[in-house]
Amino acid sequence: MLEFVGEVMSRGVVVVASETSALEVARLMRDEGVADVLIEADGLLWGIASEHDMTVRLLAAGLDPASTPVALVADSIVHTVAPEQEIHDVLQLMRAHGLWRLPVTDHGDIVGIVTLGDLALHDSRRLQPSPQAAEAPT
């Protein structure tokens, strides 16, 4: 049975401009309850900033969150996936490149994000016995 990214991705994606301050991004992450934000530059997907980036690359480096643009501490995007890509293939891509999250784009438009957590939750639900199986006589 084929399963696709569009079935498990998160659609509530926060997107900010590359010059947005790290402090503003941290507040957005808190207020929106997200662990990462996508970054646009000149109208194009440029990168992604995670909680890890905000703590390790920003605070541990002693940078001022109020004056540091988020693009300075974020990863630039190298990989994206499409909603119709098979989950198995996306897992292989994530494993091969050590990725925890991938933006999902459809013809260049940002439509979501898929994380290892999304995939693990999907996998655990898939492995749950069906209600009919639980009612089967022994």
N, C-alpha and C. Protein backbone atom coordinates (compact mmCIF):
# COMPACT_ATOMS: atom_id res chain seq x y z
N MET A 1 0.84 -1.19 0.00
CA MET A 1 0.00 0.00 0.00
C MET A 1 0.89 1.25 0.00
N LEU A 2 0.74 2.09 -1.00
CA LEU A 2 1.53 3.30 -1.09
C LEU A 2 0.95 4.37 -0.16
N GLU A 3 1.86 5.08 0.50
CA GLU A 3 1.45 6.17 1.38
C GLU A 3 2.26 7.39 0.99
N PHE A 4 1.62 8.56 1.06
CA PHE A 4 2.22 9.76 0.51
C PHE A 4 2.38 10.85 1.56
N VAL A 5 3.35 11.73 1.32
CA VAL A 5 3.67 12.82 2.23
C VAL A 5 2.45 13.69 2.53
N GLY A 6 1.65 13.96 1.52
CA GLY A 6 0.47 14.80 1.72
C GLY A 6 -0.50 14.28 2.76
N GLU A 7 -0.43 12.97 3.07
CA GLU A 7 -1.30 12.37 4.07
C GLU A 7 -0.82 12.62 5.50
N VAL A 8 0.45 12.95 5.67
CA VAL A 8 1.00 13.06 7.02
C VAL A 8 1.62 14.42 7.34
N MET A 9 1.81 15.25 6.33
CA MET A 9 2.50 16.53 6.56
C MET A 9 1.65 17.45 7.43
N SER A 10 2.33 18.38 8.06
CA SER A 10 1.67 19.45 8.81
C SER A 10 1.44 20.61 7.85
N ARG A 11 0.24 21.15 7.89
CA ARG A 11 -0.10 22.23 6.96
C ARG A 11 0.08 23.61 7.60
N GLY A 12 0.08 23.70 8.88
CA GLY A 12 0.22 24.98 9.57
C GLY A 12 1.66 25.42 9.62
N VAL A 13 2.16 25.93 8.50
CA VAL A 13 3.56 26.31 8.39
C VAL A 13 3.70 27.81 8.63
N VAL A 14 4.70 28.17 9.41
CA VAL A 14 5.01 29.58 9.63
C VAL A 14 6.16 29.95 8.70
N VAL A 15 5.96 31.02 7.94
CA VAL A 15 6.96 31.49 6.99
C VAL A 15 7.32 32.93 7.35
N VAL A 16 8.63 33.21 7.40
CA VAL A 16 9.11 34.56 7.71
C VAL A 16 10.11 35.01 6.65
N ALA A 17 10.32 36.31 6.60
CA ALA A 17 11.33 36.86 5.69
C ALA A 17 12.72 36.64 6.28
N SER A 18 13.71 36.54 5.42
CA SER A 18 15.08 36.23 5.86
C SER A 18 15.65 37.29 6.80
N GLU A 19 15.19 38.52 6.69
CA GLU A 19 15.73 39.58 7.54
C GLU A 19 15.01 39.69 8.90
N THR A 20 13.99 38.88 9.13
CA THR A 20 13.28 38.89 10.42
C THR A 20 14.27 38.57 11.53
N SER A 21 14.17 39.29 12.63
CA SER A 21 15.12 39.05 13.72
C SER A 21 14.87 37.69 14.37
N ALA A 22 15.93 37.11 14.87
CA ALA A 22 15.83 35.82 15.57
C ALA A 22 14.88 35.94 16.76
N LEU A 23 14.87 37.08 17.42
CA LEU A 23 13.96 37.29 18.55
C LEU A 23 12.50 37.21 18.09
N GLU A 24 12.17 37.87 16.99
CA GLU A 24 10.81 37.79 16.46
C GLU A 24 10.44 36.36 16.09
N VAL A 25 11.38 35.65 15.50
CA VAL A 25 11.13 34.26 15.11
C VAL A 25 10.90 33.40 16.34
N ALA A 26 11.70 33.57 17.38
CA ALA A 26 11.53 32.79 18.61
C ALA A 26 10.15 33.05 19.21
N ARG A 27 9.72 34.29 19.20
CA ARG A 27 8.39 34.63 19.73
C ARG A 27 7.28 34.01 18.87
N LEU A 28 7.46 34.03 17.56
CA LEU A 28 6.50 33.39 16.66
C LEU A 28 6.41 31.89 16.93
N MET A 29 7.56 31.26 17.10
CA MET A 29 7.59 29.82 17.37
C MET A 29 6.83 29.52 18.66
N ARG A 30 7.07 30.33 19.67
CA ARG A 30 6.36 30.16 20.94
C ARG A 30 4.86 30.36 20.77
N ASP A 31 4.48 31.46 20.15
CA ASP A 31 3.07 31.81 20.02
C ASP A 31 2.30 30.84 19.12
N GLU A 32 2.95 30.34 18.08
CA GLU A 32 2.30 29.42 17.14
C GLU A 32 2.45 27.96 17.54
N GLY A 33 3.29 27.69 18.53
CA GLY A 33 3.49 26.32 18.99
C GLY A 33 4.19 25.44 17.96
N VAL A 34 5.17 26.02 17.26
CA VAL A 34 5.91 25.27 16.26
C VAL A 34 7.38 25.18 16.64
N ALA A 35 8.04 24.16 16.12
CA ALA A 35 9.46 23.94 16.43
C ALA A 35 10.37 24.42 15.31
N ASP A 36 9.79 24.90 14.22
CA ASP A 36 10.60 25.40 13.11
C ASP A 36 9.78 26.36 12.27
N VAL A 37 10.49 27.22 11.55
CA VAL A 37 9.84 28.15 10.62
C VAL A 37 10.58 28.08 9.29
N LEU A 38 9.85 28.30 8.23
CA LEU A 38 10.46 28.37 6.91
C LEU A 38 10.80 29.83 6.62
N ILE A 39 11.86 30.03 5.86
CA ILE A 39 12.36 31.37 5.59
C ILE A 39 12.31 31.63 4.09
N GLU A 40 11.76 32.79 3.75
CA GLU A 40 11.72 33.21 2.35
C GLU A 40 12.66 34.39 2.15
N ALA A 41 13.28 34.42 0.97
CA ALA A 41 14.09 35.56 0.55
C ALA A 41 13.72 35.85 -0.89
N ASP A 42 13.40 37.08 -1.17
CA ASP A 42 13.00 37.49 -2.52
C ASP A 42 11.85 36.64 -3.06
N GLY A 43 10.92 36.27 -2.18
CA GLY A 43 9.74 35.51 -2.60
C GLY A 43 9.96 34.03 -2.82
N LEU A 44 11.16 33.55 -2.54
CA LEU A 44 11.47 32.13 -2.73
C LEU A 44 11.84 31.48 -1.41
N LEU A 45 11.53 30.20 -1.30
CA LEU A 45 11.93 29.44 -0.11
C LEU A 45 13.44 29.43 -0.03
N TRP A 46 13.99 29.93 1.07
CA TRP A 46 15.43 30.04 1.23
C TRP A 46 15.97 29.06 2.25
N GLY A 47 15.27 28.91 3.37
CA GLY A 47 15.82 28.10 4.44
C GLY A 47 14.80 27.70 5.48
N ILE A 48 15.35 27.13 6.56
CA ILE A 48 14.53 26.68 7.67
C ILE A 48 15.29 26.93 8.97
N ALA A 49 14.58 27.42 9.97
CA ALA A 49 15.16 27.65 11.29
C ALA A 49 14.42 26.79 12.30
N SER A 50 15.17 26.04 13.07
CA SER A 50 14.58 25.16 14.07
C SER A 50 14.90 25.67 15.47
N GLU A 51 14.26 25.07 16.47
CA GLU A 51 14.57 25.40 17.85
C GLU A 51 16.05 25.21 18.12
N HIS A 52 16.61 24.15 17.56
CA HIS A 52 18.04 23.85 17.72
C HIS A 52 18.88 25.01 17.18
N ASP A 53 18.55 25.50 16.02
CA ASP A 53 19.29 26.63 15.44
C ASP A 53 19.22 27.84 16.35
N MET A 54 18.05 28.06 16.90
CA MET A 54 17.85 29.24 17.73
C MET A 54 18.64 29.16 19.04
N THR A 55 18.84 27.97 19.55
CA THR A 55 19.60 27.86 20.80
C THR A 55 21.09 27.67 20.54
N VAL A 56 21.45 26.70 19.75
CA VAL A 56 22.86 26.38 19.57
C VAL A 56 23.58 27.42 18.71
N ARG A 57 23.02 27.74 17.56
CA ARG A 57 23.71 28.66 16.66
C ARG A 57 23.60 30.12 17.09
N LEU A 58 22.55 30.45 17.78
CA LEU A 58 22.34 31.85 18.16
C LEU A 58 22.86 32.12 19.56
N LEU A 59 22.25 31.50 20.54
CA LEU A 59 22.61 31.80 21.92
C LEU A 59 23.99 31.31 22.30
N ALA A 60 24.34 30.10 21.91
CA ALA A 60 25.66 29.57 22.26
C ALA A 60 26.78 30.36 21.59
N ALA A 61 26.47 31.00 20.47
CA ALA A 61 27.47 31.82 19.77
C ALA A 61 27.53 33.23 20.35
N GLY A 62 26.63 33.53 21.29
CA GLY A 62 26.63 34.84 21.92
C GLY A 62 26.07 35.94 21.04
N LEU A 63 25.26 35.59 20.05
CA LEU A 63 24.67 36.59 19.18
C LEU A 63 23.45 37.23 19.84
N ASP A 64 23.19 38.47 19.51
CA ASP A 64 22.04 39.20 20.05
C ASP A 64 20.79 38.85 19.25
N PRO A 65 19.81 38.18 19.87
CA PRO A 65 18.61 37.77 19.14
C PRO A 65 17.84 38.93 18.52
N ALA A 66 17.88 40.09 19.14
CA ALA A 66 17.11 41.24 18.64
C ALA A 66 17.71 41.83 17.37
N SER A 67 19.01 41.69 17.19
CA SER A 67 19.65 42.30 16.02
C SER A 67 20.17 41.29 15.00
N THR A 68 20.03 40.00 15.28
CA THR A 68 20.52 38.97 14.36
C THR A 68 19.41 38.51 13.44
N PRO A 69 19.60 38.66 12.12
CA PRO A 69 18.58 38.14 11.20
C PRO A 69 18.54 36.61 11.27
N VAL A 70 17.35 36.06 11.19
CA VAL A 70 17.20 34.62 11.33
C VAL A 70 18.00 33.86 10.28
N ALA A 71 18.17 34.45 9.10
CA ALA A 71 18.93 33.78 8.03
C ALA A 71 20.36 33.49 8.44
N LEU A 72 20.89 34.25 9.39
CA LEU A 72 22.27 34.05 9.83
C LEU A 72 22.44 32.76 10.62
N VAL A 73 21.37 32.28 11.26
CA VAL A 73 21.49 31.07 12.09
C VAL A 73 20.71 29.88 11.53
N ALA A 74 20.07 30.07 10.40
CA ALA A 74 19.23 29.02 9.81
C ALA A 74 20.01 28.19 8.80
N ASP A 75 19.43 27.06 8.45
CA ASP A 75 19.96 26.23 7.37
C ASP A 75 19.31 26.66 6.07
N SER A 76 20.12 26.78 5.02
CA SER A 76 19.51 27.03 3.71
C SER A 76 18.93 25.71 3.21
N ILE A 77 17.87 25.80 2.45
CA ILE A 77 17.16 24.62 1.96
C ILE A 77 17.91 24.01 0.78
N VAL A 78 18.13 22.73 0.88
CA VAL A 78 18.72 22.00 -0.22
C VAL A 78 17.70 21.01 -0.77
N HIS A 79 16.84 20.51 0.11
CA HIS A 79 15.87 19.50 -0.29
C HIS A 79 14.45 19.94 0.07
N THR A 80 13.53 19.66 -0.83
CA THR A 80 12.10 19.77 -0.55
C THR A 80 11.46 18.50 -1.10
N VAL A 81 10.24 18.25 -0.68
CA VAL A 81 9.50 17.11 -1.20
C VAL A 81 8.12 17.59 -1.64
N ALA A 82 7.48 16.77 -2.46
CA ALA A 82 6.14 17.08 -2.96
C ALA A 82 5.11 16.25 -2.22
N PRO A 83 3.87 16.73 -2.13
CA PRO A 83 2.84 15.98 -1.41
C PRO A 83 2.61 14.57 -1.95
N GLU A 84 2.87 14.38 -3.24
CA GLU A 84 2.62 13.06 -3.84
C GLU A 84 3.83 12.11 -3.75
N GLN A 85 4.89 12.54 -3.06
CA GLN A 85 6.03 11.63 -2.90
C GLN A 85 5.70 10.56 -1.86
N GLU A 86 6.20 9.37 -2.13
CA GLU A 86 5.96 8.25 -1.22
C GLU A 86 6.75 8.43 0.07
N ILE A 87 6.10 8.11 1.18
CA ILE A 87 6.72 8.24 2.50
C ILE A 87 8.02 7.45 2.58
N HIS A 88 8.04 6.27 2.03
CA HIS A 88 9.24 5.44 2.06
C HIS A 88 10.42 6.18 1.44
N ASP A 89 10.21 6.82 0.29
CA ASP A 89 11.27 7.56 -0.38
C ASP A 89 11.72 8.77 0.42
N VAL A 90 10.78 9.43 1.08
CA VAL A 90 11.11 10.60 1.89
C VAL A 90 11.94 10.17 3.10
N LEU A 91 11.59 9.06 3.71
CA LEU A 91 12.40 8.55 4.83
C LEU A 91 13.82 8.24 4.39
N GLN A 92 13.98 7.67 3.23
CA GLN A 92 15.32 7.38 2.72
C GLN A 92 16.11 8.66 2.49
N LEU A 93 15.46 9.68 1.95
CA LEU A 93 16.11 10.97 1.74
C LEU A 93 16.54 11.59 3.07
N MET A 94 15.65 11.54 4.06
CA MET A 94 15.96 12.10 5.37
C MET A 94 17.14 11.34 6.00
N ARG A 95 17.11 10.05 5.91
CA ARG A 95 18.18 9.23 6.47
C ARG A 95 19.51 9.51 5.77
N ALA A 96 19.49 9.57 4.47
CA ALA A 96 20.72 9.76 3.69
C ALA A 96 21.38 11.11 3.98
N HIS A 97 20.58 12.13 4.32
CA HIS A 97 21.13 13.47 4.53
C HIS A 97 21.05 13.95 5.98
N GLY A 98 20.63 13.07 6.89
CA GLY A 98 20.55 13.44 8.30
C GLY A 98 19.55 14.55 8.57
N LEU A 99 18.41 14.51 7.90
CA LEU A 99 17.40 15.56 8.04
C LEU A 99 16.31 15.15 9.02
N TRP A 100 15.80 16.12 9.76
CA TRP A 100 14.71 15.90 10.71
C TRP A 100 13.39 16.42 10.18
N ARG A 101 13.47 17.32 9.19
CA ARG A 101 12.26 17.96 8.66
C ARG A 101 12.52 18.38 7.23
N LEU A 102 11.45 18.39 6.44
CA LEU A 102 11.54 18.79 5.05
C LEU A 102 10.32 19.64 4.68
N PRO A 103 10.55 20.76 4.03
CA PRO A 103 9.42 21.53 3.50
C PRO A 103 8.74 20.74 2.39
N VAL A 104 7.43 20.90 2.31
CA VAL A 104 6.65 20.27 1.25
C VAL A 104 6.19 21.38 0.31
N THR A 105 6.53 21.23 -0.96
CA THR A 105 6.16 22.24 -1.95
C THR A 105 5.39 21.59 -3.09
N ASP A 106 4.51 22.39 -3.67
CA ASP A 106 3.73 21.94 -4.81
C ASP A 106 3.88 22.99 -5.91
N HIS A 107 4.63 22.67 -6.93
CA HIS A 107 4.91 23.60 -8.03
C HIS A 107 5.50 24.91 -7.50
N GLY A 108 6.42 24.79 -6.53
CA GLY A 108 7.11 25.95 -5.98
C GLY A 108 6.40 26.62 -4.82
N ASP A 109 5.14 26.29 -4.56
CA ASP A 109 4.40 26.88 -3.44
C ASP A 109 4.58 26.03 -2.19
N ILE A 110 4.81 26.69 -1.07
CA ILE A 110 4.94 25.99 0.20
C ILE A 110 3.55 25.53 0.64
N VAL A 111 3.40 24.22 0.86
CA VAL A 111 2.09 23.69 1.27
C VAL A 111 2.14 22.99 2.62
N GLY A 112 3.34 22.77 3.16
CA GLY A 112 3.43 22.10 4.45
C GLY A 112 4.87 21.79 4.81
N ILE A 113 4.98 20.99 5.84
CA ILE A 113 6.28 20.51 6.30
C ILE A 113 6.07 19.10 6.83
N VAL A 114 7.04 18.24 6.60
CA VAL A 114 6.97 16.89 7.13
C VAL A 114 8.20 16.68 8.01
N THR A 115 7.96 16.14 9.19
CA THR A 115 9.05 15.90 10.14
C THR A 115 9.14 14.42 10.46
N LEU A 116 10.26 14.04 11.05
CA LEU A 116 10.39 12.66 11.50
C LEU A 116 9.29 12.32 12.49
N GLY A 117 8.89 13.30 13.31
CA GLY A 117 7.80 13.09 14.26
C GLY A 117 6.49 12.78 13.56
N ASP A 118 6.19 13.51 12.48
CA ASP A 118 4.98 13.23 11.70
C ASP A 118 5.00 11.80 11.18
N LEU A 119 6.15 11.39 10.67
CA LEU A 119 6.27 10.06 10.09
C LEU A 119 6.20 8.97 11.15
N ALA A 120 6.79 9.22 12.31
CA ALA A 120 6.73 8.24 13.40
C ALA A 120 5.30 8.10 13.92
N LEU A 121 4.59 9.22 14.06
CA LEU A 121 3.21 9.18 14.52
C LEU A 121 2.34 8.45 13.52
N HIS A 122 2.54 8.71 12.26
CA HIS A 122 1.80 8.02 11.21
C HIS A 122 2.07 6.52 11.27
N ASP A 123 3.33 6.15 11.43
CA ASP A 123 3.71 4.74 11.47
C ASP A 123 3.10 4.04 12.68
N SER A 124 3.08 4.72 13.84
CA SER A 124 2.52 4.08 15.04
C SER A 124 1.01 3.89 14.89
N ARG A 125 0.34 4.83 14.24
CA ARG A 125 -1.11 4.68 14.01
C ARG A 125 -1.39 3.54 13.04
N ARG A 126 -0.52 3.41 12.05
CA ARG A 126 -0.69 2.36 11.05
C ARG A 126 -0.52 0.98 11.67
N LEU A 127 0.31 0.89 12.70
CA LEU A 127 0.59 -0.39 13.33
C LEU A 127 -0.43 -0.78 14.40
N GLN A 128 -1.34 0.15 14.75
CA GLN A 128 -2.37 -0.14 15.74
C GLN A 128 -3.34 -1.18 15.18
N PRO A 129 -3.77 -2.14 16.00
CA PRO A 129 -4.76 -3.11 15.49
C PRO A 129 -6.08 -2.41 15.21
N SER A 130 -6.75 -2.85 14.20
CA SER A 130 -8.04 -2.26 13.86
C SER A 130 -9.07 -2.65 14.93
N PRO A 131 -10.14 -1.86 15.10
CA PRO A 131 -11.18 -2.21 16.08
C PRO A 131 -11.82 -3.54 15.77
N GLN A 132 -11.94 -3.89 14.48
CA GLN A 132 -12.53 -5.17 14.11
C GLN A 132 -11.64 -6.33 14.60
N ALA A 133 -10.33 -6.16 14.52
CA ALA A 133 -9.41 -7.22 14.96
C ALA A 133 -9.51 -7.43 16.45
N ALA A 134 -9.74 -6.34 17.19
CA ALA A 134 -9.84 -6.45 18.65
C ALA A 134 -11.12 -7.18 19.05
N GLU A 135 -12.15 -7.14 18.20
CA GLU A 135 -13.42 -7.80 18.53
C GLU A 135 -13.49 -9.24 18.05
N ALA A 136 -12.51 -9.67 17.32
CA ALA A 136 -12.54 -11.03 16.76
C ALA A 136 -12.52 -12.07 17.89
N PRO A 137 -13.31 -13.12 17.76
CA PRO A 137 -13.33 -14.16 18.79
C PRO A 137 -12.00 -14.90 18.84
N THR A 138 -11.67 -15.37 20.02
CA THR A 138 -10.40 -16.11 20.19
C THR A 138 -10.63 -17.59 20.16
